[in-house]
Amino acid sequence: DDVVDRLLKRDGAGGESDAEILVIFANRSYAILQGELKGVGAQISGQKATDMLTLDRPALDWVALARGHGVDGVRVDDAAALVQALQRGFASRAPCLIEVVL
């Protein structure tokens, strides 16, 4: 299933939605590939090589994508804000997306 479609699905009991919370940890890079390159002693040199290992030009706006599909979304960048967003999400009993920017 598509992620947003899954968030929009309703359960069969009374038509109310479950509190489904999708958390995306957005590091805006291919960090696993960067780590692998370092592990074999390779150097990232030049703008083209750097561009191939980043996901920030442009950065995906996960919150806007969720809202465009009728799902509430919020972006957080620290642990306290994440805790608050999770608490609001569970309390709302509605689907939501939380983007954690690393």
N, C-alpha and C. Protein backbone atom coordinates (compact mmCIF):
# COMPACT_ATOMS: atom_id res chain seq x y z
N ASP A 1 0.83 -1.20 0.00
CA ASP A 1 0.00 0.00 0.00
C ASP A 1 0.86 1.25 0.00
N ASP A 2 0.35 2.27 -0.62
CA ASP A 2 0.98 3.58 -0.55
C ASP A 2 0.90 4.08 0.89
N VAL A 3 1.94 4.73 1.37
CA VAL A 3 2.01 5.18 2.76
C VAL A 3 0.83 6.07 3.12
N VAL A 4 0.55 7.07 2.29
CA VAL A 4 -0.53 8.00 2.61
C VAL A 4 -1.88 7.30 2.54
N ASP A 5 -2.08 6.42 1.55
CA ASP A 5 -3.33 5.67 1.48
C ASP A 5 -3.54 4.86 2.74
N ARG A 6 -2.47 4.27 3.24
CA ARG A 6 -2.57 3.48 4.48
C ARG A 6 -3.00 4.36 5.64
N LEU A 7 -2.46 5.56 5.72
CA LEU A 7 -2.85 6.46 6.80
C LEU A 7 -4.31 6.87 6.71
N LEU A 8 -4.84 6.92 5.48
CA LEU A 8 -6.23 7.37 5.30
C LEU A 8 -7.26 6.27 5.50
N LYS A 9 -6.83 5.02 5.56
CA LYS A 9 -7.79 3.92 5.71
C LYS A 9 -8.51 4.02 7.04
N ARG A 10 -9.78 3.65 7.02
CA ARG A 10 -10.62 3.66 8.23
C ARG A 10 -10.80 2.24 8.73
N ASP A 11 -11.00 2.09 10.05
CA ASP A 11 -11.28 0.75 10.53
C ASP A 11 -12.78 0.49 10.41
N GLY A 12 -13.19 -0.76 10.61
CA GLY A 12 -14.59 -1.12 10.42
C GLY A 12 -15.47 -0.82 11.62
N ALA A 13 -14.91 -0.47 12.75
CA ALA A 13 -15.70 -0.26 13.97
C ALA A 13 -16.16 1.18 14.08
N GLY A 14 -17.35 1.45 13.64
CA GLY A 14 -17.93 2.78 13.81
C GLY A 14 -17.39 3.82 12.85
N GLY A 15 -16.54 3.44 11.94
CA GLY A 15 -16.03 4.40 10.95
C GLY A 15 -14.99 5.35 11.49
N GLU A 16 -14.55 5.17 12.73
CA GLU A 16 -13.53 6.06 13.27
C GLU A 16 -12.15 5.56 12.87
N SER A 17 -11.24 6.49 12.69
CA SER A 17 -9.90 6.09 12.29
C SER A 17 -9.06 5.75 13.51
N ASP A 18 -8.15 4.83 13.33
CA ASP A 18 -7.19 4.52 14.38
C ASP A 18 -6.13 5.61 14.41
N ALA A 19 -5.48 5.71 15.55
CA ALA A 19 -4.38 6.67 15.67
C ALA A 19 -3.14 6.05 15.05
N GLU A 20 -3.03 6.13 13.75
CA GLU A 20 -1.84 5.65 13.05
C GLU A 20 -0.90 6.83 12.89
N ILE A 21 0.30 6.65 13.37
CA ILE A 21 1.29 7.72 13.32
C ILE A 21 2.49 7.22 12.52
N LEU A 22 2.78 7.91 11.45
CA LEU A 22 3.93 7.59 10.64
C LEU A 22 5.04 8.57 11.00
N VAL A 23 6.19 8.05 11.44
CA VAL A 23 7.34 8.89 11.79
C VAL A 23 8.41 8.70 10.73
N ILE A 24 8.80 9.79 10.11
CA ILE A 24 9.86 9.76 9.10
C ILE A 24 11.08 10.47 9.68
N PHE A 25 12.19 9.76 9.73
CA PHE A 25 13.44 10.36 10.18
C PHE A 25 14.19 10.82 8.94
N ALA A 26 14.19 12.13 8.71
CA ALA A 26 14.70 12.71 7.47
C ALA A 26 16.11 13.25 7.68
N ASN A 27 17.10 12.48 7.24
CA ASN A 27 18.47 12.97 7.35
C ASN A 27 18.92 13.69 6.09
N ARG A 28 18.06 13.67 5.06
CA ARG A 28 18.29 14.39 3.81
C ARG A 28 19.62 14.02 3.14
N SER A 29 20.05 12.77 3.34
CA SER A 29 21.26 12.31 2.68
C SER A 29 21.22 10.79 2.59
N TYR A 30 22.08 10.26 1.76
CA TYR A 30 22.27 8.83 1.69
C TYR A 30 23.37 8.48 2.69
N ALA A 31 23.06 8.63 3.97
CA ALA A 31 24.07 8.46 5.02
C ALA A 31 24.67 7.06 5.00
N ILE A 32 23.88 6.05 4.68
CA ILE A 32 24.40 4.69 4.65
C ILE A 32 25.50 4.56 3.59
N LEU A 33 25.29 5.21 2.44
CA LEU A 33 26.31 5.16 1.39
C LEU A 33 27.57 5.92 1.80
N GLN A 34 27.37 7.05 2.46
CA GLN A 34 28.53 7.82 2.93
C GLN A 34 29.36 7.00 3.91
N GLY A 35 28.68 6.28 4.80
CA GLY A 35 29.38 5.43 5.75
C GLY A 35 30.12 4.29 5.08
N GLU A 36 29.48 3.70 4.07
CA GLU A 36 30.14 2.62 3.33
C GLU A 36 31.39 3.12 2.60
N LEU A 37 31.30 4.30 2.01
CA LEU A 37 32.47 4.87 1.34
C LEU A 37 33.62 5.08 2.32
N LYS A 38 33.29 5.63 3.48
CA LYS A 38 34.33 5.85 4.50
C LYS A 38 34.92 4.52 4.95
N GLY A 39 34.06 3.49 5.03
CA GLY A 39 34.51 2.18 5.48
C GLY A 39 35.54 1.54 4.56
N VAL A 40 35.48 1.87 3.29
CA VAL A 40 36.46 1.31 2.33
C VAL A 40 37.57 2.31 2.01
N GLY A 41 37.57 3.44 2.71
CA GLY A 41 38.62 4.42 2.53
C GLY A 41 38.45 5.36 1.36
N ALA A 42 37.26 5.39 0.75
CA ALA A 42 37.02 6.28 -0.40
C ALA A 42 36.73 7.69 0.09
N GLN A 43 37.11 8.65 -0.71
CA GLN A 43 36.86 10.06 -0.41
C GLN A 43 35.76 10.59 -1.30
N ILE A 44 34.91 11.44 -0.75
CA ILE A 44 33.91 12.14 -1.55
C ILE A 44 34.55 13.43 -2.01
N SER A 45 34.76 13.55 -3.32
CA SER A 45 35.43 14.74 -3.82
C SER A 45 34.63 15.35 -4.95
N GLY A 46 34.46 16.64 -4.87
CA GLY A 46 33.76 17.35 -5.93
C GLY A 46 32.27 17.48 -5.70
N GLN A 47 31.69 18.50 -6.33
CA GLN A 47 30.27 18.80 -6.16
C GLN A 47 29.38 17.70 -6.73
N LYS A 48 29.75 17.13 -7.87
CA LYS A 48 28.91 16.08 -8.46
C LYS A 48 28.84 14.85 -7.56
N ALA A 49 29.95 14.47 -6.98
CA ALA A 49 29.95 13.33 -6.06
C ALA A 49 29.10 13.64 -4.83
N THR A 50 29.24 14.84 -4.30
CA THR A 50 28.44 15.25 -3.15
C THR A 50 26.95 15.24 -3.49
N ASP A 51 26.61 15.76 -4.66
CA ASP A 51 25.21 15.80 -5.08
C ASP A 51 24.59 14.41 -5.17
N MET A 52 25.38 13.42 -5.53
CA MET A 52 24.86 12.06 -5.65
C MET A 52 24.57 11.43 -4.30
N LEU A 53 25.08 12.01 -3.23
CA LEU A 53 24.93 11.43 -1.91
C LEU A 53 24.08 12.29 -0.97
N THR A 54 23.37 13.26 -1.53
CA THR A 54 22.50 14.11 -0.72
C THR A 54 21.08 14.09 -1.27
N LEU A 55 20.16 14.40 -0.41
CA LEU A 55 18.74 14.45 -0.78
C LEU A 55 18.12 15.78 -0.36
N ASP A 56 18.86 16.86 -0.51
CA ASP A 56 18.37 18.13 0.01
C ASP A 56 18.22 19.21 -1.05
N ARG A 57 18.30 18.87 -2.31
CA ARG A 57 18.18 19.89 -3.37
C ARG A 57 17.22 19.39 -4.43
N PRO A 58 15.95 19.55 -4.28
CA PRO A 58 15.28 20.15 -3.11
C PRO A 58 15.00 19.08 -2.05
N ALA A 59 14.81 19.54 -0.83
CA ALA A 59 14.43 18.64 0.26
C ALA A 59 12.96 18.25 0.08
N LEU A 60 12.65 16.97 0.32
CA LEU A 60 11.25 16.54 0.27
C LEU A 60 10.51 17.15 1.45
N ASP A 61 9.35 17.71 1.19
CA ASP A 61 8.53 18.29 2.24
C ASP A 61 7.46 17.27 2.61
N TRP A 62 7.81 16.36 3.53
CA TRP A 62 6.91 15.28 3.91
C TRP A 62 5.62 15.80 4.51
N VAL A 63 5.69 16.89 5.27
CA VAL A 63 4.49 17.46 5.90
C VAL A 63 3.53 17.96 4.83
N ALA A 64 4.03 18.67 3.84
CA ALA A 64 3.18 19.16 2.75
C ALA A 64 2.58 18.01 1.96
N LEU A 65 3.38 16.96 1.73
CA LEU A 65 2.85 15.79 1.02
C LEU A 65 1.70 15.14 1.79
N ALA A 66 1.86 15.02 3.11
CA ALA A 66 0.80 14.44 3.93
C ALA A 66 -0.46 15.31 3.89
N ARG A 67 -0.27 16.60 4.11
CA ARG A 67 -1.42 17.51 4.12
C ARG A 67 -2.14 17.53 2.78
N GLY A 68 -1.38 17.40 1.69
CA GLY A 68 -1.98 17.36 0.37
C GLY A 68 -2.88 16.16 0.17
N HIS A 69 -2.69 15.15 1.01
CA HIS A 69 -3.53 13.95 0.97
C HIS A 69 -4.52 13.90 2.12
N GLY A 70 -4.69 15.03 2.81
CA GLY A 70 -5.67 15.10 3.89
C GLY A 70 -5.22 14.53 5.21
N VAL A 71 -3.92 14.34 5.39
CA VAL A 71 -3.38 13.80 6.63
C VAL A 71 -2.63 14.91 7.35
N ASP A 72 -2.91 15.06 8.65
CA ASP A 72 -2.22 16.09 9.42
C ASP A 72 -0.74 15.74 9.50
N GLY A 73 0.11 16.75 9.45
CA GLY A 73 1.54 16.51 9.52
C GLY A 73 2.24 17.61 10.30
N VAL A 74 3.36 17.24 10.91
CA VAL A 74 4.15 18.19 11.68
C VAL A 74 5.63 17.85 11.52
N ARG A 75 6.47 18.88 11.54
CA ARG A 75 7.92 18.70 11.44
C ARG A 75 8.53 19.08 12.79
N VAL A 76 9.42 18.23 13.29
CA VAL A 76 10.09 18.50 14.56
C VAL A 76 11.60 18.34 14.36
N ASP A 77 12.36 18.97 15.26
CA ASP A 77 13.81 18.85 15.14
C ASP A 77 14.51 18.62 16.47
N ASP A 78 13.74 18.28 17.51
CA ASP A 78 14.37 17.90 18.77
C ASP A 78 13.47 16.91 19.51
N ALA A 79 14.04 16.26 20.53
CA ALA A 79 13.35 15.19 21.24
C ALA A 79 12.08 15.68 21.94
N ALA A 80 12.13 16.86 22.55
CA ALA A 80 10.95 17.38 23.26
C ALA A 80 9.79 17.61 22.30
N ALA A 81 10.08 18.17 21.14
CA ALA A 81 9.03 18.40 20.15
C ALA A 81 8.48 17.08 19.62
N LEU A 82 9.33 16.07 19.48
CA LEU A 82 8.88 14.75 19.04
C LEU A 82 7.92 14.15 20.05
N VAL A 83 8.27 14.23 21.32
CA VAL A 83 7.39 13.71 22.37
C VAL A 83 6.03 14.40 22.32
N GLN A 84 6.02 15.72 22.19
CA GLN A 84 4.76 16.46 22.11
C GLN A 84 3.95 16.06 20.89
N ALA A 85 4.61 15.91 19.75
CA ALA A 85 3.91 15.53 18.52
C ALA A 85 3.31 14.13 18.65
N LEU A 86 4.04 13.21 19.26
CA LEU A 86 3.52 11.86 19.47
C LEU A 86 2.32 11.88 20.41
N GLN A 87 2.40 12.65 21.47
CA GLN A 87 1.29 12.75 22.41
C GLN A 87 0.04 13.31 21.73
N ARG A 88 0.22 14.37 20.92
CA ARG A 88 -0.92 14.93 20.17
C ARG A 88 -1.48 13.92 19.18
N GLY A 89 -0.59 13.21 18.52
CA GLY A 89 -1.03 12.22 17.54
C GLY A 89 -1.86 11.12 18.17
N PHE A 90 -1.40 10.57 19.29
CA PHE A 90 -2.16 9.51 19.95
C PHE A 90 -3.47 10.04 20.52
N ALA A 91 -3.45 11.27 21.03
CA ALA A 91 -4.67 11.86 21.59
C ALA A 91 -5.72 12.15 20.52
N SER A 92 -5.28 12.47 19.31
CA SER A 92 -6.22 12.85 18.25
C SER A 92 -6.99 11.67 17.70
N ARG A 93 -6.46 10.47 17.84
CA ARG A 93 -7.07 9.25 17.28
C ARG A 93 -7.30 9.37 15.78
N ALA A 94 -6.50 10.20 15.13
CA ALA A 94 -6.58 10.37 13.68
C ALA A 94 -5.19 10.09 13.09
N PRO A 95 -5.14 9.72 11.84
CA PRO A 95 -3.84 9.49 11.22
C PRO A 95 -3.01 10.77 11.16
N CYS A 96 -1.71 10.65 11.34
CA CYS A 96 -0.84 11.81 11.22
C CYS A 96 0.57 11.38 10.84
N LEU A 97 1.33 12.32 10.36
CA LEU A 97 2.71 12.11 9.96
C LEU A 97 3.59 13.04 10.77
N ILE A 98 4.70 12.53 11.28
CA ILE A 98 5.68 13.35 11.99
C ILE A 98 7.00 13.22 11.25
N GLU A 99 7.53 14.33 10.78
CA GLU A 99 8.84 14.34 10.15
C GLU A 99 9.86 14.81 11.16
N VAL A 100 10.83 13.95 11.47
CA VAL A 100 11.90 14.30 12.40
C VAL A 100 13.12 14.64 11.56
N VAL A 101 13.51 15.91 11.58
CA VAL A 101 14.66 16.36 10.80
C VAL A 101 15.92 16.11 11.61
N LEU A 102 16.81 15.32 11.05
CA LEU A 102 18.05 14.97 11.76
C LEU A 102 19.18 15.90 11.36
